Amino acid sequence: SLESRKFERKPLFDVPLPVRPKNRDSPMGAPQDQEPSAPNHKMAFSLLTKKGNRQQTRTVELPSDSTFAIAMKTQQQAEKEEQQRIKNLVLNYDLQQSEDQEGSERATTFYHNRVDRSSKDRGQRVRKLQLSDVDW
């Protein structure tokens, strides 16, 4: 069991931060006029720290050309593109489904369509997948 889990990747800790008013979030000793300076060259990130049972968030400004900032930008862009792609798929599916209902006057049952689809999918996999099939 230990040998099989040796090469597993640890899950990333990616949780949304709680939304709080801005006045409670600012550090007490830091001057307020430093934040607006050079907004184009820095990105603000929230750092979640934990001491015992108490969680605390701090705002950390990193250069926008750092590898972490670039990786976050590309990840956010990829998530937006994926969300847009899913949205387009759903909209196209709805349009196609409404066109099919308007175009055909004959009544078809869901059960009949499902049987046709399931028999078509069965022939795709000839053998069971094995661990050697996966590229680790």
N, C-alpha and C. Protein backbone atom coordinates (compact mmCIF):
# COMPACT_ATOMS: atom_id res chain seq x y z
N SER A 1 0.82 -1.19 0.00
CA SER A 1 0.00 0.00 0.00
C SER A 1 0.87 1.26 0.00
N LEU A 2 1.93 1.23 0.79
CA LEU A 2 2.83 2.38 0.85
C LEU A 2 3.58 2.54 -0.47
N GLU A 3 3.96 1.43 -1.07
CA GLU A 3 4.66 1.48 -2.35
C GLU A 3 3.77 2.06 -3.45
N SER A 4 2.50 1.72 -3.43
CA SER A 4 1.60 2.22 -4.47
C SER A 4 1.34 3.71 -4.32
N ARG A 5 1.42 4.23 -3.09
CA ARG A 5 1.17 5.65 -2.86
C ARG A 5 2.43 6.50 -2.91
N LYS A 6 3.57 5.87 -3.15
CA LYS A 6 4.83 6.60 -3.12
C LYS A 6 4.90 7.68 -4.20
N PHE A 7 4.37 7.40 -5.38
CA PHE A 7 4.49 8.32 -6.49
C PHE A 7 3.25 9.19 -6.70
N GLU A 8 2.28 9.12 -5.81
CA GLU A 8 1.09 9.95 -5.93
C GLU A 8 1.44 11.40 -5.63
N ARG A 9 0.85 12.31 -6.39
CA ARG A 9 1.07 13.72 -6.15
C ARG A 9 0.17 14.19 -5.01
N LYS A 10 0.69 15.08 -4.20
CA LYS A 10 -0.12 15.64 -3.13
C LYS A 10 -1.09 16.65 -3.73
N PRO A 11 -2.33 16.68 -3.23
CA PRO A 11 -3.29 17.64 -3.79
C PRO A 11 -2.89 19.07 -3.44
N LEU A 12 -3.15 19.98 -4.36
CA LEU A 12 -2.84 21.38 -4.12
C LEU A 12 -3.88 21.99 -3.19
N PHE A 13 -3.41 22.86 -2.32
CA PHE A 13 -4.30 23.54 -1.39
C PHE A 13 -4.79 24.81 -2.08
N ASP A 14 -5.97 24.74 -2.65
CA ASP A 14 -6.51 25.86 -3.41
C ASP A 14 -7.94 26.10 -2.95
N VAL A 15 -8.10 26.99 -1.98
CA VAL A 15 -9.43 27.28 -1.44
C VAL A 15 -9.71 28.78 -1.60
N PRO A 16 -10.96 29.15 -1.79
CA PRO A 16 -11.27 30.58 -1.86
C PRO A 16 -11.16 31.22 -0.48
N LEU A 17 -10.70 32.46 -0.47
CA LEU A 17 -10.56 33.17 0.79
C LEU A 17 -11.89 33.77 1.21
N PRO A 18 -12.12 33.88 2.51
CA PRO A 18 -13.36 34.51 2.96
C PRO A 18 -13.34 36.00 2.62
N VAL A 19 -14.51 36.52 2.27
CA VAL A 19 -14.63 37.93 1.90
C VAL A 19 -14.85 38.73 3.16
N ARG A 20 -13.96 39.71 3.36
CA ARG A 20 -14.07 40.58 4.52
C ARG A 20 -13.97 42.03 4.09
N PRO A 21 -14.45 42.94 4.92
CA PRO A 21 -14.30 44.36 4.59
C PRO A 21 -12.82 44.73 4.46
N LYS A 22 -12.53 45.70 3.60
CA LYS A 22 -11.15 46.08 3.31
C LYS A 22 -10.45 46.70 4.51
N ASN A 23 -11.17 47.42 5.37
CA ASN A 23 -10.53 48.10 6.49
C ASN A 23 -9.98 47.12 7.52
N ARG A 24 -10.56 45.95 7.67
CA ARG A 24 -10.03 44.95 8.61
C ARG A 24 -8.84 44.22 8.03
N ASP A 25 -8.72 44.19 6.69
CA ASP A 25 -7.68 43.43 6.02
C ASP A 25 -6.32 44.13 6.03
N SER A 26 -6.32 45.46 6.13
CA SER A 26 -5.05 46.18 6.02
C SER A 26 -4.22 45.99 7.29
N PRO A 27 -2.90 45.81 7.15
CA PRO A 27 -2.05 45.66 8.32
C PRO A 27 -1.98 46.96 9.11
N MET A 28 -1.83 46.85 10.43
CA MET A 28 -1.90 48.02 11.28
C MET A 28 -0.68 48.92 11.14
N GLY A 29 0.51 48.34 10.99
CA GLY A 29 1.74 49.13 10.96
C GLY A 29 2.09 49.67 9.59
N ALA A 30 1.48 49.21 8.54
CA ALA A 30 1.85 49.62 7.18
C ALA A 30 1.15 50.92 6.80
N PRO A 31 1.87 51.83 6.17
CA PRO A 31 1.23 53.06 5.70
C PRO A 31 0.27 52.79 4.55
N GLN A 32 -0.80 53.56 4.49
CA GLN A 32 -1.84 53.32 3.50
C GLN A 32 -1.46 53.86 2.12
N ASP A 33 -0.55 54.86 2.04
CA ASP A 33 -0.27 55.49 0.76
C ASP A 33 0.68 54.67 -0.12
N GLN A 34 1.23 53.59 0.35
CA GLN A 34 2.15 52.79 -0.46
C GLN A 34 1.43 51.87 -1.43
N GLU A 35 0.21 51.48 -1.17
CA GLU A 35 -0.50 50.52 -2.01
C GLU A 35 -0.79 51.03 -3.42
N PRO A 36 -1.25 52.26 -3.63
CA PRO A 36 -1.58 52.68 -4.99
C PRO A 36 -0.36 52.92 -5.88
N SER A 37 0.84 53.02 -5.33
CA SER A 37 2.00 53.34 -6.16
C SER A 37 2.38 52.18 -7.06
N ALA A 38 2.67 52.47 -8.32
CA ALA A 38 3.08 51.52 -9.37
C ALA A 38 2.13 50.33 -9.49
N PRO A 39 0.86 50.57 -9.82
CA PRO A 39 -0.08 49.46 -9.92
C PRO A 39 0.18 48.58 -11.15
N ASN A 40 0.87 49.10 -12.17
CA ASN A 40 1.07 48.34 -13.39
C ASN A 40 2.17 47.29 -13.25
N HIS A 41 3.07 47.46 -12.30
CA HIS A 41 4.22 46.58 -12.21
C HIS A 41 4.10 45.54 -11.11
N LYS A 42 3.03 45.57 -10.35
CA LYS A 42 2.89 44.62 -9.25
C LYS A 42 1.49 44.02 -9.25
N MET A 43 1.41 42.80 -8.76
CA MET A 43 0.12 42.13 -8.57
C MET A 43 -0.05 41.82 -7.10
N ALA A 44 -1.26 42.02 -6.59
CA ALA A 44 -1.54 41.75 -5.18
C ALA A 44 -2.09 40.33 -5.04
N PHE A 45 -1.51 39.58 -4.12
CA PHE A 45 -1.97 38.23 -3.80
C PHE A 45 -2.30 38.17 -2.32
N SER A 46 -3.25 37.33 -1.97
CA SER A 46 -3.59 37.12 -0.56
C SER A 46 -2.89 35.87 -0.08
N LEU A 47 -2.14 36.00 0.99
CA LEU A 47 -1.42 34.89 1.58
C LEU A 47 -2.17 34.43 2.82
N LEU A 48 -2.52 33.17 2.86
CA LEU A 48 -3.26 32.61 3.98
C LEU A 48 -2.27 31.93 4.92
N THR A 49 -2.19 32.42 6.16
CA THR A 49 -1.32 31.81 7.16
C THR A 49 -2.18 31.26 8.28
N LYS A 50 -1.62 30.31 8.99
CA LYS A 50 -2.38 29.67 10.06
C LYS A 50 -1.48 29.49 11.27
N LYS A 51 -1.94 29.96 12.41
CA LYS A 51 -1.26 29.73 13.68
C LYS A 51 -2.26 29.05 14.60
N GLY A 52 -2.04 27.79 14.88
CA GLY A 52 -2.99 27.03 15.67
C GLY A 52 -4.29 26.91 14.92
N ASN A 53 -5.38 27.39 15.52
CA ASN A 53 -6.68 27.35 14.86
C ASN A 53 -7.04 28.68 14.20
N ARG A 54 -6.16 29.66 14.31
CA ARG A 54 -6.46 31.00 13.81
C ARG A 54 -5.87 31.20 12.41
N GLN A 55 -6.72 31.56 11.47
CA GLN A 55 -6.27 31.83 10.11
C GLN A 55 -6.18 33.33 9.89
N GLN A 56 -5.16 33.72 9.13
CA GLN A 56 -4.94 35.13 8.87
C GLN A 56 -4.58 35.31 7.40
N THR A 57 -5.07 36.37 6.79
CA THR A 57 -4.70 36.66 5.41
C THR A 57 -3.89 37.94 5.37
N ARG A 58 -2.87 37.92 4.52
CA ARG A 58 -2.04 39.10 4.32
C ARG A 58 -1.94 39.36 2.82
N THR A 59 -1.89 40.61 2.46
CA THR A 59 -1.74 40.97 1.06
C THR A 59 -0.26 41.07 0.74
N VAL A 60 0.15 40.33 -0.28
CA VAL A 60 1.55 40.33 -0.72
C VAL A 60 1.58 40.84 -2.15
N GLU A 61 2.42 41.83 -2.41
CA GLU A 61 2.54 42.35 -3.77
C GLU A 61 3.79 41.77 -4.40
N LEU A 62 3.61 41.12 -5.55
CA LEU A 62 4.72 40.53 -6.29
C LEU A 62 4.86 41.24 -7.62
N PRO A 63 6.07 41.26 -8.18
CA PRO A 63 6.23 41.84 -9.52
C PRO A 63 5.39 41.09 -10.54
N SER A 64 4.80 41.83 -11.46
CA SER A 64 3.90 41.19 -12.43
C SER A 64 4.65 40.32 -13.43
N ASP A 65 5.97 40.46 -13.52
CA ASP A 65 6.74 39.61 -14.43
C ASP A 65 7.37 38.42 -13.73
N SER A 66 7.02 38.18 -12.46
CA SER A 66 7.54 37.00 -11.76
C SER A 66 6.87 35.74 -12.28
N THR A 67 7.52 34.60 -12.08
CA THR A 67 6.99 33.34 -12.61
C THR A 67 5.66 32.99 -11.96
N PHE A 68 5.51 33.29 -10.67
CA PHE A 68 4.26 32.98 -9.97
C PHE A 68 3.11 33.81 -10.54
N ALA A 69 3.36 35.09 -10.75
CA ALA A 69 2.31 35.97 -11.28
C ALA A 69 1.93 35.56 -12.70
N ILE A 70 2.92 35.22 -13.51
CA ILE A 70 2.63 34.80 -14.88
C ILE A 70 1.85 33.49 -14.89
N ALA A 71 2.24 32.56 -14.00
CA ALA A 71 1.52 31.29 -13.92
C ALA A 71 0.08 31.50 -13.48
N MET A 72 -0.15 32.41 -12.54
CA MET A 72 -1.52 32.68 -12.10
C MET A 72 -2.34 33.32 -13.22
N LYS A 73 -1.72 34.22 -13.98
CA LYS A 73 -2.43 34.85 -15.10
C LYS A 73 -2.82 33.81 -16.14
N THR A 74 -1.89 32.93 -16.48
CA THR A 74 -2.19 31.91 -17.49
C THR A 74 -3.24 30.93 -16.98
N GLN A 75 -3.19 30.60 -15.69
CA GLN A 75 -4.19 29.70 -15.12
C GLN A 75 -5.57 30.35 -15.15
N GLN A 76 -5.65 31.61 -14.79
CA GLN A 76 -6.93 32.31 -14.83
C GLN A 76 -7.46 32.42 -16.25
N GLN A 77 -6.56 32.68 -17.20
CA GLN A 77 -6.97 32.77 -18.60
C GLN A 77 -7.48 31.42 -19.10
N ALA A 78 -6.78 30.33 -18.72
CA ALA A 78 -7.21 29.00 -19.13
C ALA A 78 -8.57 28.65 -18.53
N GLU A 79 -8.79 29.04 -17.27
CA GLU A 79 -10.08 28.77 -16.64
C GLU A 79 -11.20 29.55 -17.33
N LYS A 80 -10.92 30.80 -17.71
CA LYS A 80 -11.93 31.59 -18.42
C LYS A 80 -12.25 30.98 -19.77
N GLU A 81 -11.20 30.53 -20.49
CA GLU A 81 -11.42 29.92 -21.80
C GLU A 81 -12.21 28.63 -21.68
N GLU A 82 -11.90 27.83 -20.66
CA GLU A 82 -12.63 26.58 -20.44
C GLU A 82 -14.09 26.86 -20.11
N GLN A 83 -14.32 27.86 -19.28
CA GLN A 83 -15.69 28.23 -18.92
C GLN A 83 -16.46 28.71 -20.14
N GLN A 84 -15.80 29.49 -20.99
CA GLN A 84 -16.45 29.98 -22.21
C GLN A 84 -16.74 28.83 -23.17
N ARG A 85 -15.80 27.88 -23.26
CA ARG A 85 -16.00 26.73 -24.14
C ARG A 85 -17.18 25.89 -23.68
N ILE A 86 -17.29 25.67 -22.37
CA ILE A 86 -18.42 24.90 -21.83
C ILE A 86 -19.73 25.65 -22.08
N LYS A 87 -19.69 26.96 -21.90
CA LYS A 87 -20.89 27.77 -22.14
C LYS A 87 -21.33 27.66 -23.59
N ASN A 88 -20.37 27.73 -24.52
CA ASN A 88 -20.71 27.61 -25.94
C ASN A 88 -21.24 26.23 -26.27
N LEU A 89 -20.66 25.19 -25.66
CA LEU A 89 -21.14 23.83 -25.91
C LEU A 89 -22.59 23.67 -25.45
N VAL A 90 -22.89 24.20 -24.27
CA VAL A 90 -24.25 24.09 -23.74
C VAL A 90 -25.23 24.87 -24.62
N LEU A 91 -24.83 26.07 -25.03
CA LEU A 91 -25.72 26.86 -25.89
C LEU A 91 -25.94 26.18 -27.23
N ASN A 92 -24.88 25.64 -27.82
CA ASN A 92 -25.02 24.93 -29.09
C ASN A 92 -25.86 23.68 -28.94
N TYR A 93 -25.71 22.99 -27.82
CA TYR A 93 -26.50 21.79 -27.56
C TYR A 93 -27.98 22.15 -27.46
N ASP A 94 -28.27 23.23 -26.75
CA ASP A 94 -29.67 23.66 -26.61
C ASP A 94 -30.25 24.05 -27.97
N LEU A 95 -29.48 24.78 -28.77
CA LEU A 95 -29.96 25.17 -30.10
C LEU A 95 -30.19 23.95 -30.98
N GLN A 96 -29.26 23.01 -30.93
CA GLN A 96 -29.39 21.81 -31.75
C GLN A 96 -30.60 20.98 -31.30
N GLN A 97 -30.79 20.90 -30.00
CA GLN A 97 -31.92 20.14 -29.48
C GLN A 97 -33.24 20.79 -29.88
N SER A 98 -33.31 22.11 -29.83
CA SER A 98 -34.56 22.79 -30.21
C SER A 98 -34.81 22.66 -31.71
N GLU A 99 -33.75 22.68 -32.52
CA GLU A 99 -33.92 22.48 -33.96
C GLU A 99 -34.39 21.06 -34.27
N ASP A 100 -33.85 20.09 -33.54
CA ASP A 100 -34.27 18.70 -33.75
C ASP A 100 -35.74 18.51 -33.39
N GLN A 101 -36.19 19.15 -32.32
CA GLN A 101 -37.58 19.01 -31.91
C GLN A 101 -38.51 19.69 -32.91
N GLU A 102 -38.10 20.82 -33.46
CA GLU A 102 -38.94 21.52 -34.43
C GLU A 102 -38.94 20.80 -35.77
N GLY A 103 -37.81 20.22 -36.16
CA GLY A 103 -37.69 19.60 -37.47
C GLY A 103 -38.37 18.26 -37.59
N SER A 104 -38.39 17.49 -36.55
CA SER A 104 -38.99 16.15 -36.64
C SER A 104 -40.34 16.13 -35.92
N GLU A 105 -41.34 15.66 -36.60
CA GLU A 105 -42.68 15.60 -36.04
C GLU A 105 -42.95 14.27 -35.34
N ARG A 106 -42.13 13.25 -35.61
CA ARG A 106 -42.41 11.95 -34.99
C ARG A 106 -41.95 11.95 -33.53
N ALA A 107 -42.68 11.23 -32.72
CA ALA A 107 -42.38 11.18 -31.29
C ALA A 107 -41.38 10.07 -31.02
N THR A 108 -40.26 10.43 -30.43
CA THR A 108 -39.27 9.43 -30.03
C THR A 108 -39.14 9.46 -28.52
N THR A 109 -38.91 8.31 -27.96
CA THR A 109 -38.79 8.23 -26.51
C THR A 109 -37.33 8.34 -26.13
N PHE A 110 -37.07 8.78 -24.91
CA PHE A 110 -35.72 8.89 -24.39
C PHE A 110 -35.09 7.51 -24.28
N TYR A 111 -35.87 6.52 -23.91
CA TYR A 111 -35.35 5.17 -23.75
C TYR A 111 -34.83 4.64 -25.08
N HIS A 112 -35.54 4.87 -26.15
CA HIS A 112 -35.14 4.39 -27.46
C HIS A 112 -33.81 5.04 -27.89
N ASN A 113 -33.68 6.34 -27.68
CA ASN A 113 -32.44 7.03 -28.06
C ASN A 113 -31.27 6.55 -27.22
N ARG A 114 -31.51 6.29 -25.98
CA ARG A 114 -30.44 5.88 -25.09
C ARG A 114 -29.92 4.49 -25.44
N VAL A 115 -30.80 3.59 -25.83
CA VAL A 115 -30.38 2.25 -26.22
C VAL A 115 -29.48 2.33 -27.44
N ASP A 116 -29.83 3.15 -28.41
CA ASP A 116 -29.00 3.29 -29.61
C ASP A 116 -27.62 3.83 -29.27
N ARG A 117 -27.56 4.80 -28.38
CA ARG A 117 -26.28 5.39 -28.03
C ARG A 117 -25.39 4.43 -27.27
N SER A 118 -25.96 3.69 -26.33
CA SER A 118 -25.15 2.81 -25.50
C SER A 118 -24.56 1.66 -26.31
N SER A 119 -25.28 1.15 -27.29
CA SER A 119 -24.74 0.07 -28.10
C SER A 119 -23.61 0.58 -28.99
N LYS A 120 -23.66 1.83 -29.35
CA LYS A 120 -22.61 2.41 -30.19
C LYS A 120 -21.32 2.58 -29.38
N ASP A 121 -21.43 2.93 -28.11
CA ASP A 121 -20.25 3.19 -27.29
C ASP A 121 -19.55 1.91 -26.84
N ARG A 122 -20.22 0.81 -26.85
CA ARG A 122 -19.62 -0.42 -26.33
C ARG A 122 -18.47 -0.92 -27.20
N GLY A 123 -18.51 -0.67 -28.48
CA GLY A 123 -17.49 -1.20 -29.36
C GLY A 123 -16.20 -0.41 -29.36
N GLN A 124 -16.13 0.70 -28.65
CA GLN A 124 -14.93 1.52 -28.70
C GLN A 124 -13.77 0.90 -27.94
N ARG A 125 -13.99 0.35 -26.78
CA ARG A 125 -12.92 -0.21 -25.98
C ARG A 125 -12.85 -1.71 -26.24
N VAL A 126 -11.74 -2.16 -26.78
CA VAL A 126 -11.57 -3.56 -27.11
C VAL A 126 -11.05 -4.33 -25.90
N ARG A 127 -10.12 -3.71 -25.15
CA ARG A 127 -9.57 -4.39 -23.98
C ARG A 127 -9.61 -3.44 -22.78
N LYS A 128 -9.41 -4.00 -21.60
CA LYS A 128 -9.41 -3.18 -20.39
C LYS A 128 -8.15 -2.34 -20.35
N LEU A 129 -8.27 -1.19 -19.73
CA LEU A 129 -7.10 -0.34 -19.56
C LEU A 129 -6.17 -0.93 -18.52
N GLN A 130 -4.88 -0.75 -18.73
CA GLN A 130 -3.87 -1.23 -17.80
C GLN A 130 -3.01 -0.07 -17.37
N LEU A 131 -2.24 -0.28 -16.30
CA LEU A 131 -1.38 0.79 -15.81
C LEU A 131 -0.34 1.20 -16.84
N SER A 132 0.09 0.27 -17.67
CA SER A 132 1.10 0.60 -18.68
C SER A 132 0.54 1.52 -19.77
N ASP A 133 -0.79 1.63 -19.88
CA ASP A 133 -1.39 2.51 -20.87
C ASP A 133 -1.30 3.98 -20.48
N VAL A 134 -1.14 4.24 -19.19
CA VAL A 134 -1.12 5.61 -18.69
C VAL A 134 0.32 6.11 -18.69
N ASP A 135 0.52 7.33 -19.17
CA ASP A 135 1.85 7.93 -19.21
C ASP A 135 2.10 8.62 -17.88
N TRP A 136 2.92 8.07 -17.03
CA TRP A 136 3.22 8.67 -15.73
C TRP A 136 4.32 9.64 -15.92
